[in-house]
């Protein structure tokens, strides 16, 4: 893995789960990690309930735009996290792949999306602990 790892989050619509995960990783990883997200069949806009759920955490994903998954994005990534997109993601040797089984927030209300958001945060925090060197203690 490179000094500054690149993580790609992929879900079908790139409008909910992958956007929330990318938002958390940008917030928690700062400039120590590159963050990408994409979808195998992206929607036109981010799920407004996902935007609201992340706003409750102080993270603004409202300006993001769903992007189509490309082979280049996978090639450029050290870690590829899929969330329910099945076999749509190309596989390259030497990459770390994980599939996070998470409920889809599409069509759900905020009460149903909050637990999904919280599980994404837990997994992102765990991922950060695995891919970034420990911060030196003062």
N, C-alpha and C. Protein backbone atom coordinates (compact mmCIF):
# COMPACT_ATOMS: atom_id res chain seq x y z
N UNK A 1 0.85 -1.18 0.00
CA UNK A 1 0.00 0.00 0.00
C UNK A 1 0.89 1.24 0.00
N UNK A 2 0.50 2.24 -0.74
CA UNK A 2 1.28 3.47 -0.85
C UNK A 2 1.28 4.21 0.48
N UNK A 3 2.17 5.21 0.58
CA UNK A 3 2.25 6.00 1.81
C UNK A 3 0.92 6.65 2.14
N UNK A 4 0.24 7.13 1.11
CA UNK A 4 -1.08 7.73 1.27
C UNK A 4 -2.07 6.82 0.56
N UNK A 5 -2.71 5.91 1.31
CA UNK A 5 -3.59 4.94 0.66
C UNK A 5 -4.81 5.58 0.01
N UNK A 6 -5.25 4.96 -1.08
CA UNK A 6 -6.47 5.39 -1.77
C UNK A 6 -7.53 4.33 -1.53
N UNK A 7 -8.70 4.78 -1.07
CA UNK A 7 -9.82 3.89 -0.79
C UNK A 7 -10.98 4.26 -1.71
N UNK A 8 -11.54 3.24 -2.37
CA UNK A 8 -12.69 3.42 -3.25
C UNK A 8 -13.89 2.72 -2.64
N UNK A 9 -14.97 3.48 -2.44
CA UNK A 9 -16.23 2.92 -1.96
C UNK A 9 -17.17 2.79 -3.15
N UNK A 10 -17.76 1.59 -3.32
CA UNK A 10 -18.63 1.32 -4.46
C UNK A 10 -19.96 0.76 -3.98
N UNK A 11 -21.06 1.38 -4.42
CA UNK A 11 -22.38 0.78 -4.25
C UNK A 11 -23.12 0.98 -5.57
N UNK A 12 -24.29 0.46 -5.68
CA UNK A 12 -24.99 0.48 -6.97
C UNK A 12 -25.23 1.91 -7.45
N UNK A 13 -25.87 2.72 -6.62
CA UNK A 13 -26.29 4.05 -7.07
C UNK A 13 -25.33 5.18 -6.71
N UNK A 14 -24.34 4.92 -5.88
CA UNK A 14 -23.39 5.94 -5.43
C UNK A 14 -24.14 7.16 -4.90
N UNK A 15 -25.23 6.89 -4.20
CA UNK A 15 -26.08 7.98 -3.71
C UNK A 15 -26.33 7.90 -2.21
N UNK A 16 -25.92 6.81 -1.56
CA UNK A 16 -26.21 6.63 -0.15
C UNK A 16 -25.03 6.07 0.61
N UNK A 17 -24.93 4.75 0.67
CA UNK A 17 -23.90 4.09 1.48
C UNK A 17 -22.48 4.52 1.13
N UNK A 18 -22.14 4.46 -0.16
CA UNK A 18 -20.77 4.80 -0.55
C UNK A 18 -20.47 6.28 -0.30
N UNK A 19 -21.46 7.13 -0.47
CA UNK A 19 -21.26 8.56 -0.21
C UNK A 19 -21.08 8.83 1.29
N UNK A 20 -21.87 8.14 2.12
CA UNK A 20 -21.70 8.30 3.57
C UNK A 20 -20.33 7.80 4.01
N UNK A 21 -19.92 6.65 3.50
CA UNK A 21 -18.60 6.09 3.85
C UNK A 21 -17.48 7.04 3.41
N UNK A 22 -17.59 7.57 2.20
CA UNK A 22 -16.57 8.51 1.71
C UNK A 22 -16.55 9.76 2.58
N UNK A 23 -17.71 10.24 2.97
CA UNK A 23 -17.79 11.42 3.84
C UNK A 23 -17.08 11.19 5.16
N UNK A 24 -17.34 10.04 5.77
CA UNK A 24 -16.67 9.72 7.04
C UNK A 24 -15.16 9.58 6.85
N UNK A 25 -14.74 8.89 5.79
CA UNK A 25 -13.30 8.68 5.61
C UNK A 25 -12.58 10.00 5.36
N UNK A 26 -13.19 10.90 4.58
CA UNK A 26 -12.59 12.22 4.38
C UNK A 26 -12.48 12.97 5.70
N UNK A 27 -13.54 12.91 6.49
CA UNK A 27 -13.57 13.63 7.77
C UNK A 27 -12.57 13.04 8.76
N UNK A 28 -12.56 11.73 8.90
CA UNK A 28 -11.74 11.08 9.92
C UNK A 28 -10.30 10.85 9.47
N UNK A 29 -10.09 10.66 8.18
CA UNK A 29 -8.75 10.40 7.68
C UNK A 29 -8.00 11.65 7.27
N UNK A 30 -8.75 12.73 7.02
CA UNK A 30 -8.11 13.99 6.63
C UNK A 30 -7.27 13.82 5.38
N UNK A 31 -6.12 14.48 5.39
CA UNK A 31 -5.25 14.43 4.21
C UNK A 31 -4.33 13.21 4.21
N UNK A 32 -4.55 12.28 5.13
CA UNK A 32 -3.71 11.08 5.20
C UNK A 32 -4.19 9.98 4.26
N UNK A 33 -5.35 10.21 3.61
CA UNK A 33 -5.92 9.18 2.76
C UNK A 33 -6.65 9.83 1.58
N UNK A 34 -6.57 9.19 0.41
CA UNK A 34 -7.34 9.62 -0.75
C UNK A 34 -8.64 8.85 -0.76
N UNK A 35 -9.74 9.53 -1.04
CA UNK A 35 -11.06 8.90 -0.99
C UNK A 35 -11.76 9.04 -2.33
N UNK A 36 -12.25 7.91 -2.85
CA UNK A 36 -13.03 7.89 -4.08
C UNK A 36 -14.34 7.15 -3.80
N UNK A 37 -15.37 7.49 -4.55
CA UNK A 37 -16.60 6.70 -4.49
C UNK A 37 -17.21 6.66 -5.87
N UNK A 38 -17.94 5.57 -6.13
CA UNK A 38 -18.54 5.39 -7.46
C UNK A 38 -19.67 4.38 -7.36
N UNK A 39 -20.44 4.28 -8.43
CA UNK A 39 -21.55 3.34 -8.47
C UNK A 39 -21.61 2.60 -9.79
N UNK A 40 -22.11 1.37 -9.74
CA UNK A 40 -22.24 0.58 -10.97
C UNK A 40 -23.40 1.10 -11.82
N UNK A 41 -24.39 1.75 -11.20
CA UNK A 41 -25.52 2.36 -11.92
C UNK A 41 -25.90 3.64 -11.17
N UNK A 42 -25.05 4.69 -11.25
CA UNK A 42 -25.25 5.86 -10.41
C UNK A 42 -26.56 6.60 -10.67
N UNK A 43 -27.12 7.14 -9.59
CA UNK A 43 -28.31 7.99 -9.66
C UNK A 43 -27.89 9.39 -10.11
N UNK A 44 -28.88 10.27 -10.27
CA UNK A 44 -28.60 11.65 -10.67
C UNK A 44 -28.18 12.52 -9.49
N UNK A 45 -28.58 12.13 -8.27
CA UNK A 45 -28.25 12.96 -7.11
C UNK A 45 -28.11 12.09 -5.86
N UNK A 46 -27.48 12.67 -4.85
CA UNK A 46 -27.30 12.00 -3.57
C UNK A 46 -28.66 11.86 -2.88
N UNK A 47 -28.87 10.74 -2.21
CA UNK A 47 -30.09 10.50 -1.44
C UNK A 47 -30.22 11.60 -0.37
N UNK A 48 -31.31 12.38 -0.40
CA UNK A 48 -31.44 13.49 0.55
C UNK A 48 -31.50 13.02 2.01
N UNK A 49 -31.98 11.83 2.27
CA UNK A 49 -31.99 11.33 3.65
C UNK A 49 -30.57 11.01 4.10
N UNK A 50 -29.73 10.49 3.20
CA UNK A 50 -28.31 10.26 3.53
C UNK A 50 -27.63 11.60 3.82
N UNK A 51 -27.95 12.62 3.04
CA UNK A 51 -27.40 13.96 3.27
C UNK A 51 -27.80 14.45 4.66
N UNK A 52 -29.07 14.29 5.01
CA UNK A 52 -29.55 14.73 6.33
C UNK A 52 -28.89 13.94 7.45
N UNK A 53 -28.77 12.63 7.27
CA UNK A 53 -28.16 11.79 8.31
C UNK A 53 -26.71 12.20 8.55
N UNK A 54 -25.98 12.50 7.50
CA UNK A 54 -24.58 12.92 7.65
C UNK A 54 -24.49 14.32 8.23
N UNK A 55 -25.44 15.20 7.87
CA UNK A 55 -25.45 16.55 8.43
C UNK A 55 -25.60 16.49 9.95
N UNK A 56 -26.34 15.51 10.45
CA UNK A 56 -26.46 15.34 11.90
C UNK A 56 -25.12 15.07 12.54
N UNK A 57 -24.20 14.53 11.78
CA UNK A 57 -22.84 14.23 12.25
C UNK A 57 -21.87 15.38 11.96
N UNK A 58 -22.38 16.46 11.36
CA UNK A 58 -21.53 17.60 11.02
C UNK A 58 -20.73 17.40 9.74
N UNK A 59 -21.15 16.46 8.89
CA UNK A 59 -20.45 16.16 7.65
C UNK A 59 -21.37 16.49 6.48
N UNK A 60 -20.89 17.35 5.59
CA UNK A 60 -21.70 17.81 4.46
C UNK A 60 -21.34 17.02 3.20
N UNK A 61 -22.29 16.20 2.74
CA UNK A 61 -22.09 15.47 1.48
C UNK A 61 -23.06 15.97 0.41
N UNK A 62 -23.76 17.06 0.70
CA UNK A 62 -24.80 17.57 -0.20
C UNK A 62 -24.26 17.96 -1.57
N UNK A 63 -23.03 18.44 -1.63
CA UNK A 63 -22.46 18.89 -2.90
C UNK A 63 -21.85 17.79 -3.74
N UNK A 64 -21.86 16.57 -3.24
CA UNK A 64 -21.28 15.45 -3.99
C UNK A 64 -22.19 15.05 -5.15
N UNK A 65 -21.60 14.45 -6.15
CA UNK A 65 -22.35 13.97 -7.31
C UNK A 65 -22.04 12.49 -7.51
N UNK A 66 -23.07 11.66 -7.69
CA UNK A 66 -22.80 10.25 -7.98
C UNK A 66 -21.95 10.11 -9.25
N UNK A 67 -20.99 9.17 -9.20
CA UNK A 67 -20.08 8.95 -10.32
C UNK A 67 -20.17 7.50 -10.75
N UNK A 68 -19.91 7.27 -12.03
CA UNK A 68 -19.93 5.91 -12.56
C UNK A 68 -18.60 5.21 -12.21
N UNK A 69 -18.70 3.95 -11.87
CA UNK A 69 -17.53 3.14 -11.56
C UNK A 69 -16.70 2.93 -12.82
N UNK A 70 -15.40 3.21 -12.74
CA UNK A 70 -14.51 2.99 -13.88
C UNK A 70 -13.40 2.01 -13.49
N UNK A 71 -12.86 1.36 -14.48
CA UNK A 71 -11.72 0.46 -14.25
C UNK A 71 -10.54 1.25 -13.68
N UNK A 72 -10.36 2.48 -14.14
CA UNK A 72 -9.25 3.30 -13.66
C UNK A 72 -9.36 3.58 -12.17
N UNK A 73 -10.58 3.85 -11.69
CA UNK A 73 -10.76 4.11 -10.26
C UNK A 73 -10.34 2.91 -9.43
N UNK A 74 -10.67 1.71 -9.92
CA UNK A 74 -10.28 0.50 -9.19
C UNK A 74 -8.77 0.33 -9.25
N UNK A 75 -8.19 0.53 -10.43
CA UNK A 75 -6.73 0.40 -10.59
C UNK A 75 -5.98 1.37 -9.68
N UNK A 76 -6.51 2.58 -9.52
CA UNK A 76 -5.85 3.63 -8.74
C UNK A 76 -6.01 3.45 -7.24
N UNK A 77 -6.79 2.48 -6.80
CA UNK A 77 -7.10 2.32 -5.38
C UNK A 77 -6.29 1.19 -4.75
N UNK A 78 -5.97 1.39 -3.48
CA UNK A 78 -5.31 0.34 -2.68
C UNK A 78 -6.34 -0.56 -2.03
N UNK A 79 -7.47 0.05 -1.64
CA UNK A 79 -8.55 -0.67 -0.96
C UNK A 79 -9.84 -0.39 -1.71
N UNK A 80 -10.60 -1.44 -2.02
CA UNK A 80 -11.89 -1.30 -2.70
C UNK A 80 -12.96 -1.91 -1.79
N UNK A 81 -13.89 -1.07 -1.35
CA UNK A 81 -14.97 -1.51 -0.48
C UNK A 81 -16.25 -1.50 -1.30
N UNK A 82 -16.86 -2.67 -1.47
CA UNK A 82 -18.13 -2.75 -2.19
C UNK A 82 -19.26 -2.89 -1.19
N UNK A 83 -20.41 -2.37 -1.59
CA UNK A 83 -21.59 -2.38 -0.72
C UNK A 83 -22.80 -2.79 -1.55
N UNK A 84 -22.91 -4.07 -1.82
CA UNK A 84 -24.08 -4.57 -2.51
C UNK A 84 -24.07 -4.40 -4.02
N UNK A 85 -22.89 -4.29 -4.65
CA UNK A 85 -22.89 -4.15 -6.11
C UNK A 85 -22.49 -5.44 -6.80
N UNK A 86 -22.34 -6.50 -6.04
CA UNK A 86 -22.10 -7.81 -6.63
C UNK A 86 -20.84 -7.88 -7.47
N UNK A 87 -20.97 -8.42 -8.66
CA UNK A 87 -19.82 -8.66 -9.53
C UNK A 87 -19.50 -7.49 -10.44
N UNK A 88 -20.09 -6.33 -10.21
CA UNK A 88 -19.88 -5.19 -11.10
C UNK A 88 -18.47 -4.61 -10.99
N UNK A 89 -17.77 -4.92 -9.92
CA UNK A 89 -16.46 -4.32 -9.67
C UNK A 89 -15.35 -5.19 -10.24
N UNK A 90 -14.49 -4.63 -11.11
CA UNK A 90 -13.38 -5.43 -11.65
C UNK A 90 -12.37 -5.77 -10.55
N UNK A 91 -11.74 -6.92 -10.69
CA UNK A 91 -10.77 -7.40 -9.70
C UNK A 91 -9.37 -7.31 -10.29
N UNK A 92 -8.46 -6.71 -9.52
CA UNK A 92 -7.06 -6.61 -9.92
C UNK A 92 -6.20 -7.20 -8.81
N UNK A 93 -5.14 -7.93 -9.18
CA UNK A 93 -4.26 -8.50 -8.15
C UNK A 93 -3.60 -7.39 -7.34
N UNK A 94 -3.33 -7.68 -6.08
CA UNK A 94 -2.61 -6.76 -5.23
C UNK A 94 -3.47 -5.72 -4.54
N UNK A 95 -4.75 -5.74 -4.78
CA UNK A 95 -5.67 -4.80 -4.13
C UNK A 95 -6.33 -5.50 -2.95
N UNK A 96 -6.72 -4.73 -1.99
CA UNK A 96 -7.51 -5.26 -0.88
C UNK A 96 -8.97 -5.02 -1.19
N UNK A 97 -9.76 -6.08 -1.18
CA UNK A 97 -11.20 -5.98 -1.45
C UNK A 97 -11.97 -6.40 -0.21
N UNK A 98 -13.02 -5.65 0.09
CA UNK A 98 -13.95 -6.02 1.16
C UNK A 98 -15.35 -5.76 0.66
N UNK A 99 -16.29 -6.59 1.07
CA UNK A 99 -17.69 -6.34 0.77
C UNK A 99 -18.40 -6.09 2.10
N UNK A 100 -18.92 -4.89 2.25
CA UNK A 100 -19.65 -4.54 3.46
C UNK A 100 -21.13 -4.75 3.20
N UNK A 101 -21.72 -5.71 3.89
CA UNK A 101 -23.15 -5.95 3.76
C UNK A 101 -23.89 -4.96 4.65
N UNK A 102 -24.56 -4.02 4.00
CA UNK A 102 -25.29 -2.96 4.70
C UNK A 102 -26.63 -2.78 4.03
N UNK A 103 -27.65 -2.47 4.81
CA UNK A 103 -28.96 -2.17 4.23
C UNK A 103 -28.84 -0.96 3.32
N UNK A 104 -29.65 -0.94 2.28
CA UNK A 104 -29.67 0.17 1.34
C UNK A 104 -30.58 1.27 1.91
N UNK A 105 -30.07 2.50 2.05
CA UNK A 105 -30.90 3.58 2.59
C UNK A 105 -31.92 4.13 1.60
N UNK A 106 -31.87 3.69 0.34
CA UNK A 106 -32.80 4.21 -0.68
C UNK A 106 -34.25 3.97 -0.24
N UNK A 107 -35.05 5.01 -0.27
CA UNK A 107 -36.45 4.91 0.06
C UNK A 107 -36.75 4.80 1.54
N UNK A 108 -35.74 4.89 2.38
CA UNK A 108 -35.91 4.76 3.83
C UNK A 108 -36.01 6.15 4.46
N UNK A 109 -36.65 6.21 5.61
CA UNK A 109 -36.71 7.44 6.39
C UNK A 109 -35.47 7.59 7.25
N UNK A 110 -35.31 8.74 7.86
CA UNK A 110 -34.13 9.05 8.67
C UNK A 110 -33.94 8.06 9.81
N UNK A 111 -35.03 7.60 10.42
CA UNK A 111 -34.92 6.65 11.53
C UNK A 111 -34.27 5.34 11.09
N UNK A 112 -34.52 4.91 9.86
CA UNK A 112 -33.92 3.68 9.33
C UNK A 112 -32.50 3.91 8.84
N UNK A 113 -32.19 5.14 8.42
CA UNK A 113 -30.87 5.44 7.86
C UNK A 113 -29.83 5.67 8.95
N UNK A 114 -30.23 6.17 10.10
CA UNK A 114 -29.26 6.43 11.17
C UNK A 114 -28.46 5.19 11.57
N UNK A 115 -29.09 4.02 11.79
CA UNK A 115 -28.29 2.84 12.14
C UNK A 115 -27.33 2.42 11.01
N UNK A 116 -27.73 2.60 9.77
CA UNK A 116 -26.86 2.29 8.64
C UNK A 116 -25.65 3.23 8.69
N UNK A 117 -25.93 4.52 8.88
CA UNK A 117 -24.86 5.53 8.98
C UNK A 117 -23.90 5.18 10.11
N UNK A 118 -24.44 4.81 11.27
CA UNK A 118 -23.60 4.52 12.43
C UNK A 118 -22.73 3.29 12.20
N UNK A 119 -23.27 2.28 11.50
CA UNK A 119 -22.48 1.09 11.19
C UNK A 119 -21.38 1.44 10.17
N UNK A 120 -21.68 2.30 9.24
CA UNK A 120 -20.66 2.74 8.28
C UNK A 120 -19.54 3.45 9.02
N UNK A 121 -19.88 4.33 9.96
CA UNK A 121 -18.83 5.03 10.73
C UNK A 121 -17.95 4.02 11.47
N UNK A 122 -18.57 3.03 12.11
CA UNK A 122 -17.80 2.04 12.86
C UNK A 122 -16.82 1.32 11.92
N UNK A 123 -17.29 0.94 10.75
CA UNK A 123 -16.43 0.22 9.81
C UNK A 123 -15.33 1.12 9.24
N UNK A 124 -15.65 2.39 8.99
CA UNK A 124 -14.63 3.32 8.49
C UNK A 124 -13.55 3.53 9.55
N UNK A 125 -13.95 3.67 10.81
CA UNK A 125 -12.97 3.84 11.88
C UNK A 125 -12.05 2.61 11.97
N UNK A 126 -12.64 1.43 11.85
CA UNK A 126 -11.87 0.19 11.88
C UNK A 126 -10.91 0.13 10.69
N UNK A 127 -11.39 0.49 9.52
CA UNK A 127 -10.56 0.50 8.32
C UNK A 127 -9.38 1.46 8.48
N UNK A 128 -9.66 2.64 8.99
CA UNK A 128 -8.58 3.62 9.19
C UNK A 128 -7.49 3.05 10.10
N UNK A 129 -7.90 2.37 11.16
CA UNK A 129 -6.93 1.78 12.07
C UNK A 129 -6.06 0.73 11.41
N UNK A 130 -6.60 0.10 10.36
CA UNK A 130 -5.86 -0.94 9.66
C UNK A 130 -4.94 -0.40 8.55
N UNK A 131 -5.35 0.70 7.91
CA UNK A 131 -4.58 1.15 6.73
C UNK A 131 -3.63 2.32 7.01
N UNK A 132 -3.82 3.01 8.13
CA UNK A 132 -2.93 4.13 8.44
C UNK A 132 -2.00 3.79 9.57
N UNK A 133 -0.75 4.26 9.48
CA UNK A 133 0.17 4.03 10.60
C UNK A 133 -0.34 4.79 11.83
N UNK A 134 -0.02 4.27 12.97
CA UNK A 134 -0.43 4.92 14.22
C UNK A 134 0.21 6.31 14.30
N UNK A 135 -0.55 7.24 14.80
CA UNK A 135 -0.03 8.60 14.98
C UNK A 135 1.04 8.57 16.08
N UNK A 136 2.16 9.26 15.85
CA UNK A 136 3.18 9.30 16.91
C UNK A 136 2.62 10.04 18.14
N UNK A 137 2.94 9.54 19.29
CA UNK A 137 2.45 10.18 20.54
C UNK A 137 3.44 11.24 20.97
N UNK A 138 2.91 12.35 21.42
CA UNK A 138 3.77 13.48 21.83
C UNK A 138 4.33 13.27 23.20
